[in-house]
């Protein structure tokens, strides 16, 4: 580019730095007189005496002529009159293939003891979803390597599903199995609101070296401020979008979207939003579709997404579970009763659904899946009578058949955490089971 061509660009550069100062701090909220900023802009709050340390905060609202900020870190050193520097930019992160195998925080900074590689691309953490008319239809199966899912809840490239469960029913273990076994090109895993010890446990025990070598982990633990937990979800999604735009098939997993909603509730209440459904503010129910619609297909690649939802008291109809179920393309319900019986993964097939399976499965596959579901339903509906001895064999041909096949169906639905099964083997085993009533 010639020098004379640069002159118009130089004239458009804003060389001024805009500052304000902190006037009040209440709970999570920092109130500032100035600087001129917009919603979503990042600001630096200068703290300490001559230390040149900065706290990163985001503009989340306005109150009369004052700006309301939320910090990405703790606010212990902020004092009245602390300088607030405007950047006039939203949160931006560094992304690139160099992040594969790494663990980063919500701002994209490594937390694994190694520095950030050079030469990476800068992108906004918050981006718009793809144009709906530019989304190719989902027509290709994606192998996740978990037999009950591949056979009875078949997933397509670019599909988005929820994993609904109470605490301690095996969500993290199932995500680890999918990350290790999937045929996707890369995994992007967001651990939002997890206990500090669980991050390393998930990486070493559930994910393992095999899974980590094709994964990027974004971790925002429960002790972090609400905004960091929210931004962890947006940063992880932006990383997945980068690889999708490069033509990759991405497996995206978030554990859990409930903690993102809780973080947004904290922010909403702090800026004065009224609590709506069970204490959740209206912004919670607007942020969820904005976040989840960013995954899926576009003209370059696909992001297949699994979002875990932590349901209080195993109530599948609580507000977040209900909202997420309406946004996604299917749901997988983990049942505590099945876990108590030693069935892992504890997937309740009758309560789970893949909305795209009918368009992905062959006719033979669909018939076999429907037959196994029917037999499971018949047995479940008659289980109490069977267990107390009130049912007498011969009274119903369907129940007799369900009783005979039930042990083999349960064996089919079980899978060891270190067991890897291809999607073709899973489907053929399902068809064989439906025809003969026996495992092959």
Protein backbone atom coordinates (compact mmCIF):
# COMPACT_ATOMS: atom_id res chain seq x y z
CA UNK A 1 0.00 0.00 0.00
CA UNK A 2 1.38 3.41 -0.99
CA UNK A 3 1.91 6.21 1.55
CA UNK A 4 -0.76 8.44 0.01
CA UNK A 5 -3.30 5.61 0.39
CA UNK A 6 -2.57 5.45 4.12
CA UNK A 7 -3.40 9.11 4.74
CA UNK A 8 -7.23 8.64 4.74
CA UNK A 9 -6.84 5.68 7.12
CA UNK A 10 -4.61 7.64 9.49
CA UNK A 11 -7.18 10.43 9.60
CA UNK A 12 -9.83 7.99 10.84
CA UNK A 13 -7.69 6.74 13.76
CA UNK A 14 -8.86 7.99 17.14
CA UNK A 15 -5.70 8.87 19.07
CA UNK A 16 -7.52 10.03 22.22
CA UNK A 17 -7.70 7.92 25.34
CA UNK A 18 -10.89 8.39 27.32
CA UNK A 19 -10.90 8.10 31.10
CA UNK A 20 -13.43 8.16 33.90
CA UNK A 21 -13.19 7.46 37.60
CA UNK A 22 -14.84 5.06 40.01
CA UNK A 23 -17.52 6.70 42.14
CA UNK A 24 -19.14 3.72 43.88
CA UNK A 25 -18.88 -0.05 44.32
CA UNK A 26 -21.92 -2.04 45.48
CA UNK A 27 -21.60 -5.82 45.49
CA UNK A 28 -20.73 -6.89 41.94
CA UNK A 29 -21.45 -3.47 40.49
CA UNK A 30 -18.84 -0.76 39.86
CA UNK A 31 -20.25 2.70 39.14
CA UNK A 32 -18.07 5.10 37.18
CA UNK A 33 -18.31 8.76 36.15
CA UNK A 34 -17.31 8.34 32.51
CA UNK A 35 -15.64 7.38 30.22
CA UNK A 36 -17.71 7.45 27.03
CA UNK A 37 -18.49 3.77 26.29
CA UNK A 38 -21.12 1.45 24.88
CA UNK A 39 -22.77 -1.69 26.28
CA UNK A 40 -20.36 -4.63 25.95
CA UNK A 41 -17.20 -2.48 25.75
CA UNK A 42 -14.20 -3.54 27.80
CA UNK A 43 -12.64 -1.02 30.18
CA UNK A 44 -9.45 -1.09 32.27
CA UNK A 45 -9.63 0.02 35.90
CA UNK A 46 -6.21 1.19 37.10
CA UNK A 47 -5.51 0.06 40.68
CA UNK A 48 -2.63 0.11 43.14
CA UNK A 49 -0.14 2.82 43.96
CA UNK A 50 2.28 3.00 41.06
CA UNK A 51 1.92 -0.71 40.22
CA UNK A 52 0.36 -0.07 36.81
CA UNK A 53 -1.96 -3.03 37.45
CA UNK A 54 -5.27 -3.07 35.59
CA UNK A 55 -8.55 -4.85 36.32
CA UNK A 56 -10.57 -5.73 33.21
CA UNK A 57 -14.26 -4.88 33.40
CA UNK A 58 -17.17 -4.72 30.99
CA UNK A 59 -19.87 -2.09 30.54
CA UNK A 60 -23.17 -3.80 31.41
CA UNK A 61 -25.50 -0.83 31.92
CA UNK A 62 -26.04 2.85 32.65
CA UNK A 63 -27.59 4.73 35.53
CA UNK A 64 -28.39 8.33 34.67
CA UNK A 65 -24.99 9.71 33.56
CA UNK A 66 -22.97 6.99 35.26
CA UNK A 67 -21.58 3.81 33.70
CA UNK A 68 -22.13 0.43 35.38
CA UNK A 69 -19.27 -2.04 35.02
CA UNK A 70 -18.78 -5.67 36.00
CA UNK A 71 -15.25 -6.96 36.64
CA UNK A 72 -13.73 -10.07 35.09
CA UNK A 73 -11.64 -10.53 38.23
CA UNK A 74 -11.99 -9.77 41.94
CA UNK A 75 -12.25 -6.11 42.93
CA UNK A 76 -10.32 -5.96 46.22
CA UNK A 77 -7.93 -3.17 45.16
CA UNK A 78 -10.45 -0.79 43.60
CA UNK A 79 -10.78 2.49 45.49
CA UNK A 80 -12.84 5.68 45.06
CA UNK A 81 -11.37 7.70 42.23
CA UNK A 82 -9.61 4.76 40.51
CA UNK A 83 -9.10 5.63 36.84
CA UNK A 84 -11.33 3.86 34.31
CA UNK A 85 -9.84 3.64 30.81
CA UNK A 86 -12.10 3.00 27.82
CA UNK A 87 -10.99 0.70 25.00
CA UNK A 88 -14.09 1.21 22.82
CA UNK A 89 -13.90 -2.49 21.91
CA UNK A 90 -15.72 -5.63 23.05
CA UNK A 91 -13.85 -8.60 24.52
CA UNK A 92 -11.44 -10.06 21.96
CA UNK A 93 -9.50 -13.32 22.20
CA UNK A 94 -6.62 -15.02 20.39
CA UNK A 95 -7.45 -18.24 18.53
CA UNK A 96 -5.55 -20.65 16.33
CA UNK A 97 -4.51 -24.30 15.89
CA UNK A 98 -1.76 -23.68 18.47
CA UNK A 99 -4.43 -23.84 21.20
CA UNK A 100 -5.14 -27.55 20.58
CA UNK A 101 -4.20 -29.53 23.69
CA UNK A 102 -4.21 -26.39 25.84
CA UNK A 103 -6.30 -25.14 28.77
CA UNK A 104 -7.31 -21.46 28.77
CA UNK A 105 -9.47 -19.17 30.89
CA UNK A 106 -12.49 -17.10 29.86
CA UNK A 107 -10.27 -14.41 28.35
CA UNK A 108 -8.35 -16.92 26.26
CA UNK A 109 -5.25 -16.76 28.46
CA UNK A 110 -3.46 -20.08 29.14
CA UNK A 111 -3.73 -21.48 32.66
CA UNK A 112 -1.62 -24.57 32.00
CA UNK A 113 1.70 -22.90 32.84
CA UNK A 114 2.75 -22.30 29.22
CA UNK A 115 2.70 -18.98 27.41
CA UNK A 116 0.37 -17.94 24.61
CA UNK A 117 1.79 -18.85 21.17
CA UNK A 118 2.48 -16.09 18.67
CA UNK A 119 0.88 -15.58 15.28
CA UNK A 120 -2.71 -16.35 16.28
CA UNK A 121 -5.86 -14.67 15.00
CA UNK A 122 -7.83 -12.09 17.02
CA UNK A 123 -11.61 -12.49 17.09
CA UNK A 124 -14.56 -11.13 19.06
CA UNK A 125 -15.82 -13.42 21.82
CA UNK A 126 -19.42 -12.38 21.10
CA UNK A 127 -20.46 -12.88 17.48
CA UNK A 128 -23.72 -13.14 15.59
CA UNK A 129 -25.11 -16.58 14.66
CA UNK A 130 -24.84 -17.64 11.00
CA UNK A 131 -27.55 -16.45 8.65
CA UNK A 132 -30.28 -19.14 8.82
CA UNK A 133 -30.44 -19.26 5.01
CA UNK A 134 -26.71 -20.06 4.88
CA UNK A 135 -27.02 -23.12 7.12
CA UNK A 136 -26.81 -26.37 5.09
CA UNK A 137 -29.34 -29.03 6.17
CA UNK A 138 -27.99 -31.69 8.54
CA UNK A 139 -27.81 -34.87 6.50
CA UNK A 140 -24.72 -36.75 7.71
CA UNK A 141 -24.36 -38.85 10.86
CA UNK A 142 -21.59 -38.07 13.34
CA UNK A 143 -20.07 -40.91 15.33
CA UNK A 144 -19.82 -40.13 19.06
CA UNK A 145 -18.62 -43.60 20.07
CA UNK A 146 -21.31 -44.18 22.72
CA UNK A 147 -23.54 -47.11 21.73
CA UNK A 148 -26.90 -45.94 23.20
CA UNK A 149 -26.49 -42.54 21.49
CA UNK A 150 -25.19 -43.74 18.12
CA UNK A 151 -27.89 -46.40 17.80
CA UNK A 152 -31.03 -45.01 19.49
CA UNK A 153 -30.33 -41.25 19.53
CA UNK A 154 -28.32 -40.87 16.33
CA UNK A 155 -26.60 -37.47 16.08
CA UNK A 156 -25.96 -35.48 12.89
CA UNK A 157 -23.05 -33.18 12.10
CA UNK A 158 -24.12 -29.76 13.32
CA UNK A 159 -26.88 -30.98 15.65
CA UNK A 160 -27.25 -29.47 19.13
CA UNK A 161 -28.39 -31.59 22.07
CA UNK A 162 -28.86 -31.12 25.78
CA UNK A 163 -27.73 -33.58 28.47
CA UNK A 164 -30.14 -33.22 31.40
CA UNK A 165 -29.24 -34.66 34.79
CA UNK A 166 -29.03 -34.02 38.50
CA UNK A 167 -25.67 -33.88 40.25
CA UNK A 168 -23.53 -37.02 40.37
CA UNK A 169 -25.34 -39.00 37.65
CA UNK A 170 -22.44 -39.12 35.18
CA UNK A 171 -22.57 -36.02 32.96
CA UNK A 172 -18.81 -35.40 33.01
CA UNK A 173 -18.03 -39.07 32.46
CA UNK A 174 -20.32 -39.16 29.41
CA UNK A 175 -18.72 -36.00 27.99
CA UNK A 176 -15.29 -37.57 28.45
CA UNK A 177 -16.41 -40.69 26.57
CA UNK A 178 -17.75 -38.58 23.70
CA UNK A 179 -14.56 -36.47 23.55
CA UNK A 180 -12.32 -39.54 23.39
CA UNK A 181 -14.43 -41.59 20.97
CA UNK A 182 -15.94 -39.06 18.56
CA UNK A 183 -14.93 -38.87 14.91
CA UNK A 184 -15.10 -35.05 14.95
CA UNK A 185 -11.91 -33.21 13.94
CA UNK A 186 -11.53 -31.28 17.19
CA UNK A 187 -13.18 -30.92 20.61
CA UNK A 188 -13.83 -27.58 22.30
CA UNK A 189 -14.89 -28.12 25.91
CA UNK A 190 -16.20 -25.36 28.19
CA UNK A 191 -16.10 -26.17 31.92
CA UNK A 192 -18.27 -23.43 33.43
CA UNK A 193 -18.83 -23.09 37.18
CA UNK A 194 -17.06 -26.35 38.03
CA UNK A 195 -15.30 -26.92 41.34
CA UNK A 196 -11.58 -26.20 41.06
CA UNK A 197 -10.56 -29.80 41.67
CA UNK A 198 -12.98 -31.08 39.02
CA UNK A 199 -11.19 -29.33 36.15
CA UNK A 200 -8.00 -31.34 36.56
CA UNK A 201 -9.96 -34.49 37.37
CA UNK A 202 -11.95 -34.13 34.15
CA UNK A 203 -8.80 -33.57 32.07
CA UNK A 204 -6.83 -36.45 33.58
CA UNK A 205 -9.55 -39.00 34.39
CA UNK A 206 -12.48 -38.41 32.04
CA UNK A 207 -10.71 -36.88 29.02
CA UNK A 208 -7.31 -38.54 29.28
CA UNK A 209 -4.24 -37.92 27.08
CA UNK A 210 -6.04 -39.38 24.04
CA UNK A 211 -8.88 -36.89 24.33
CA UNK A 212 -6.72 -33.89 25.31
CA UNK A 213 -4.49 -34.12 22.23
CA UNK A 214 -7.42 -33.06 20.02
CA UNK A 215 -9.20 -30.79 22.51
CA UNK A 216 -9.19 -27.20 23.72
CA UNK A 217 -10.43 -26.65 27.29
CA UNK A 218 -11.95 -23.35 28.46
CA UNK A 219 -12.23 -23.35 32.26
CA UNK A 220 -14.12 -20.86 34.43
CA UNK A 221 -14.40 -22.25 37.97
CA UNK A 222 -17.17 -21.51 40.46
CA UNK A 223 -15.05 -19.06 42.48
CA UNK A 224 -14.69 -16.69 39.51
CA UNK A 225 -16.91 -13.60 39.14
CA UNK A 226 -20.22 -14.04 37.33
CA UNK A 227 -19.00 -12.25 34.21
CA UNK A 228 -16.04 -14.63 33.83
CA UNK A 229 -18.41 -17.61 33.92
CA UNK A 230 -20.60 -16.03 31.24
CA UNK A 231 -17.64 -15.04 29.07
CA UNK A 232 -16.22 -18.56 29.36
CA UNK A 233 -19.22 -19.81 27.38
CA UNK A 234 -18.85 -17.07 24.75
CA UNK A 235 -15.08 -17.54 24.43
CA UNK A 236 -15.41 -21.31 23.98
CA UNK A 237 -18.10 -20.78 21.34
CA UNK A 238 -15.89 -18.27 19.49
CA UNK A 239 -13.01 -20.80 19.45
CA UNK A 240 -15.36 -23.45 18.02
CA UNK A 241 -16.58 -20.97 15.38
CA UNK A 242 -12.99 -20.28 14.30
CA UNK A 243 -12.37 -23.95 13.52
CA UNK A 244 -15.80 -24.33 11.86
CA UNK A 245 -14.92 -21.43 9.56
CA UNK A 246 -11.73 -23.34 8.65
CA UNK A 247 -13.90 -26.21 7.38
CA UNK A 248 -13.59 -28.47 10.43
CA UNK A 249 -16.25 -30.64 12.07
CA UNK A 250 -16.13 -29.47 15.69
CA UNK A 251 -17.46 -31.28 18.75
CA UNK A 252 -18.46 -28.58 21.25
CA UNK A 253 -19.34 -29.45 24.85
CA UNK A 254 -20.41 -27.13 27.65
CA UNK A 255 -20.72 -28.24 31.27
CA UNK A 256 -22.92 -26.61 32.29
CA UNK A 257 -25.28 -24.11 30.68
CA UNK A 258 -27.11 -23.86 34.02
CA UNK A 259 -24.06 -22.17 35.59
CA UNK A 260 -23.97 -19.70 32.68
CA UNK A 261 -27.63 -18.88 33.39
CA UNK A 262 -26.87 -18.43 37.10
CA UNK A 263 -24.03 -16.05 36.23
CA UNK A 264 -26.32 -14.01 33.99
CA UNK A 265 -28.91 -13.92 36.79
CA UNK A 266 -26.28 -12.43 39.12
CA UNK A 267 -25.40 -9.76 36.57
CA UNK A 268 -29.05 -9.01 35.79
CA UNK A 269 -30.03 -8.60 39.42
CA UNK A 270 -27.00 -6.40 40.10
CA UNK A 271 -27.95 -3.94 37.34
CA UNK A 272 -31.57 -3.77 38.47
CA UNK A 273 -33.44 -6.31 36.34
CA UNK A 274 -36.59 -7.67 37.97
CA UNK A 275 -36.53 -11.39 38.87
CA UNK A 276 -38.97 -13.24 36.63
CA UNK A 277 -39.27 -17.06 36.64
CA UNK A 278 -37.93 -18.60 39.88
CA UNK A 279 -35.57 -15.68 40.36
CA UNK A 280 -34.12 -15.76 36.83
CA UNK A 281 -34.09 -12.37 35.11
CA UNK A 282 -35.45 -11.79 31.58
CA UNK A 283 -31.91 -11.41 30.17
CA UNK A 284 -31.19 -15.06 31.06
CA UNK A 285 -33.84 -16.26 28.62
CA UNK A 286 -32.57 -13.94 25.88
CA UNK A 287 -28.89 -14.88 26.26
CA UNK A 288 -29.48 -18.65 25.95
CA UNK A 289 -30.73 -18.66 22.32
CA UNK A 290 -28.09 -16.05 21.38
CA UNK A 291 -25.40 -18.40 22.66
CA UNK A 292 -26.77 -21.70 21.37
CA UNK A 293 -27.75 -20.49 17.90
CA UNK A 294 -24.08 -19.74 17.22
CA UNK A 295 -23.33 -23.46 17.03
CA UNK A 296 -24.60 -25.75 14.27
CA UNK A 297 -23.71 -25.71 10.58
CA UNK A 298 -22.58 -22.98 8.24
CA UNK A 299 -21.32 -23.00 4.66
CA UNK A 300 -17.79 -24.01 5.76
CA UNK A 301 -18.11 -26.64 8.49
CA UNK A 302 -20.12 -27.75 11.49
CA UNK A 303 -20.27 -27.48 15.27
CA UNK A 304 -22.04 -30.42 16.90
CA UNK A 305 -22.89 -29.29 20.42
CA UNK A 306 -23.71 -31.00 23.71
CA UNK A 307 -24.90 -28.70 26.51
CA UNK A 308 -25.32 -30.16 29.98
CA UNK A 309 -28.16 -28.88 32.13
CA UNK A 310 -27.99 -29.38 35.89
CA UNK A 311 -31.58 -29.95 37.01
CA UNK A 312 -32.40 -29.25 40.67
CA UNK A 313 -33.94 -32.23 42.39
CA UNK A 314 -34.06 -34.07 39.03
CA UNK A 315 -36.90 -31.73 37.98
CA UNK A 316 -36.80 -31.77 34.18
CA UNK A 317 -39.35 -28.95 33.97
CA UNK A 318 -37.44 -26.29 35.90
CA UNK A 319 -37.07 -22.96 33.98
CA UNK A 320 -33.59 -23.38 32.47
CA UNK A 321 -34.19 -27.01 31.47
CA UNK A 322 -37.49 -26.03 29.86
CA UNK A 323 -35.94 -23.10 27.95
CA UNK A 324 -32.95 -25.12 26.73
CA UNK A 325 -35.11 -28.03 25.61
CA UNK A 326 -37.11 -25.65 23.41
CA UNK A 327 -33.97 -24.28 21.72
CA UNK A 328 -32.01 -27.46 21.00
CA UNK A 329 -32.44 -30.29 18.47
CA UNK A 330 -32.89 -33.02 21.02
CA UNK A 331 -32.20 -33.99 24.62
CA UNK A 332 -30.55 -36.84 26.51
CA UNK A 333 -31.88 -37.49 30.01
CA UNK A 334 -29.61 -39.18 32.57
CA UNK A 335 -31.73 -41.03 35.14
CA UNK A 336 -30.61 -41.35 38.77
CA UNK A 337 -32.63 -44.56 39.20
CA UNK A 338 -30.72 -46.20 36.34
CA UNK A 339 -27.41 -45.02 37.82
CA UNK A 340 -28.40 -46.51 41.18
CA UNK A 341 -28.95 -49.84 39.39
CA UNK A 342 -25.43 -49.70 37.93
CA UNK A 343 -26.44 -48.86 34.35
CA UNK A 344 -23.84 -46.52 32.85
CA UNK A 345 -24.19 -44.35 30.93
CA UNK A 346 -27.50 -43.86 32.76
CA UNK A 347 -29.43 -42.71 29.67
CA UNK A 348 -33.20 -42.97 29.94
CA UNK A 349 -33.97 -43.83 26.32
CA UNK A 350 -37.73 -43.33 26.72
CA UNK A 351 -37.30 -39.74 27.96
CA UNK A 352 -34.59 -38.86 25.42
CA UNK A 353 -34.96 -37.90 21.79
CA UNK A 354 -32.88 -36.90 18.78
CA UNK A 355 -35.14 -34.76 16.61
CA UNK A 356 -33.03 -35.38 13.51
CA UNK A 357 -32.68 -39.16 13.78
CA UNK A 358 -35.59 -39.89 11.44
CA UNK A 359 -33.77 -38.05 8.65
CA UNK A 360 -30.40 -39.66 9.35
CA UNK A 361 -31.27 -43.33 9.98
CA UNK A 362 -32.04 -45.95 7.34
CA UNK A 363 -35.48 -47.57 7.37
CA UNK A 364 -34.05 -50.78 8.83
CA UNK A 365 -32.26 -48.84 11.56
CA UNK A 366 -35.40 -46.83 12.40
CA UNK A 367 -37.59 -49.96 12.63
CA UNK A 368 -35.07 -51.63 14.98
CA UNK A 369 -34.84 -48.53 17.18
CA UNK A 370 -38.63 -48.24 17.42
CA UNK A 371 -38.93 -51.91 18.37
CA UNK A 372 -36.41 -51.60 21.21
CA UNK A 373 -38.16 -48.46 22.45
CA UNK A 374 -41.53 -50.24 22.37
CA UNK A 375 -40.18 -53.20 24.37
CA UNK A 376 -38.58 -50.87 26.92
CA UNK A 377 -41.84 -48.94 27.27
CA UNK A 378 -43.90 -52.13 27.75
CA UNK A 379 -41.51 -53.43 30.40
CA UNK A 380 -41.32 -50.08 32.24
CA UNK A 381 -45.11 -49.72 32.33
CA UNK A 382 -45.47 -53.26 33.75
CA UNK A 383 -42.38 -53.25 35.98
CA UNK A 384 -44.23 -52.80 39.28
CA UNK A 385 -46.56 -55.72 38.53
CA UNK A 386 -43.61 -57.88 37.49
CA UNK A 387 -41.54 -57.07 40.57
CA UNK A 388 -44.29 -57.85 43.08
CA UNK A 389 -45.24 -61.06 41.25
CA UNK A 390 -48.71 -59.86 40.26
CA UNK A 391 -48.09 -60.53 36.57
CA UNK A 392 -48.46 -64.13 35.43
CA UNK A 393 -46.55 -65.29 32.38
CA UNK A 394 -48.84 -65.90 29.40
CA UNK A 395 -51.30 -63.13 30.24
CA UNK A 396 -49.81 -60.88 27.54
CA UNK A 397 -47.59 -61.93 24.65
CA UNK A 398 -46.05 -58.42 24.45
CA UNK A 399 -45.15 -58.33 28.15
CA UNK A 400 -43.71 -61.84 27.96
CA UNK A 401 -41.49 -60.78 25.07
CA UNK A 402 -40.44 -57.61 26.91
CA UNK A 403 -39.51 -59.62 30.04
CA UNK A 404 -37.47 -62.06 27.97
CA UNK A 405 -35.54 -59.36 26.09
CA UNK A 406 -35.12 -56.83 28.90
CA UNK A 407 -31.77 -58.18 30.28
CA UNK A 408 -30.20 -58.10 26.80
CA UNK A 409 -31.56 -54.60 26.15
CA UNK A 410 -29.99 -53.36 29.41
CA UNK A 411 -26.69 -55.02 28.46
CA UNK A 412 -26.86 -53.28 25.08
CA UNK A 413 -27.40 -49.88 26.74
CA UNK A 414 -24.40 -50.31 29.05
CA UNK A 415 -20.91 -49.31 27.97
CA UNK A 416 -17.66 -49.18 29.93
CA UNK A 417 -15.95 -45.79 30.00
CA UNK A 418 -12.86 -47.17 28.24
CA UNK A 419 -14.85 -49.12 25.64
CA UNK A 420 -14.82 -47.73 22.09
CA UNK A 421 -17.56 -48.85 19.69
CA UNK A 422 -17.98 -47.62 16.12
CA UNK A 423 -21.33 -46.31 14.94
CA UNK A 424 -21.63 -49.09 12.34
CA UNK A 425 -21.09 -51.77 15.01
CA UNK A 426 -23.64 -50.04 17.29
CA UNK A 427 -26.31 -49.95 14.58
CA UNK A 428 -25.70 -53.53 13.49
CA UNK A 429 -25.88 -54.70 17.12
CA UNK A 430 -29.18 -52.84 17.52
CA UNK A 431 -30.66 -54.45 14.39
CA UNK A 432 -29.47 -57.91 15.50
CA UNK A 433 -30.94 -57.39 18.99
CA UNK A 434 -34.30 -56.25 17.57
CA UNK A 435 -34.49 -59.30 15.24
CA UNK A 436 -33.22 -62.08 17.51
CA UNK A 437 -33.51 -60.70 21.04
CA UNK A 438 -29.82 -61.48 21.62
CA UNK A 439 -26.59 -59.50 21.74
CA UNK A 440 -24.14 -60.29 18.95
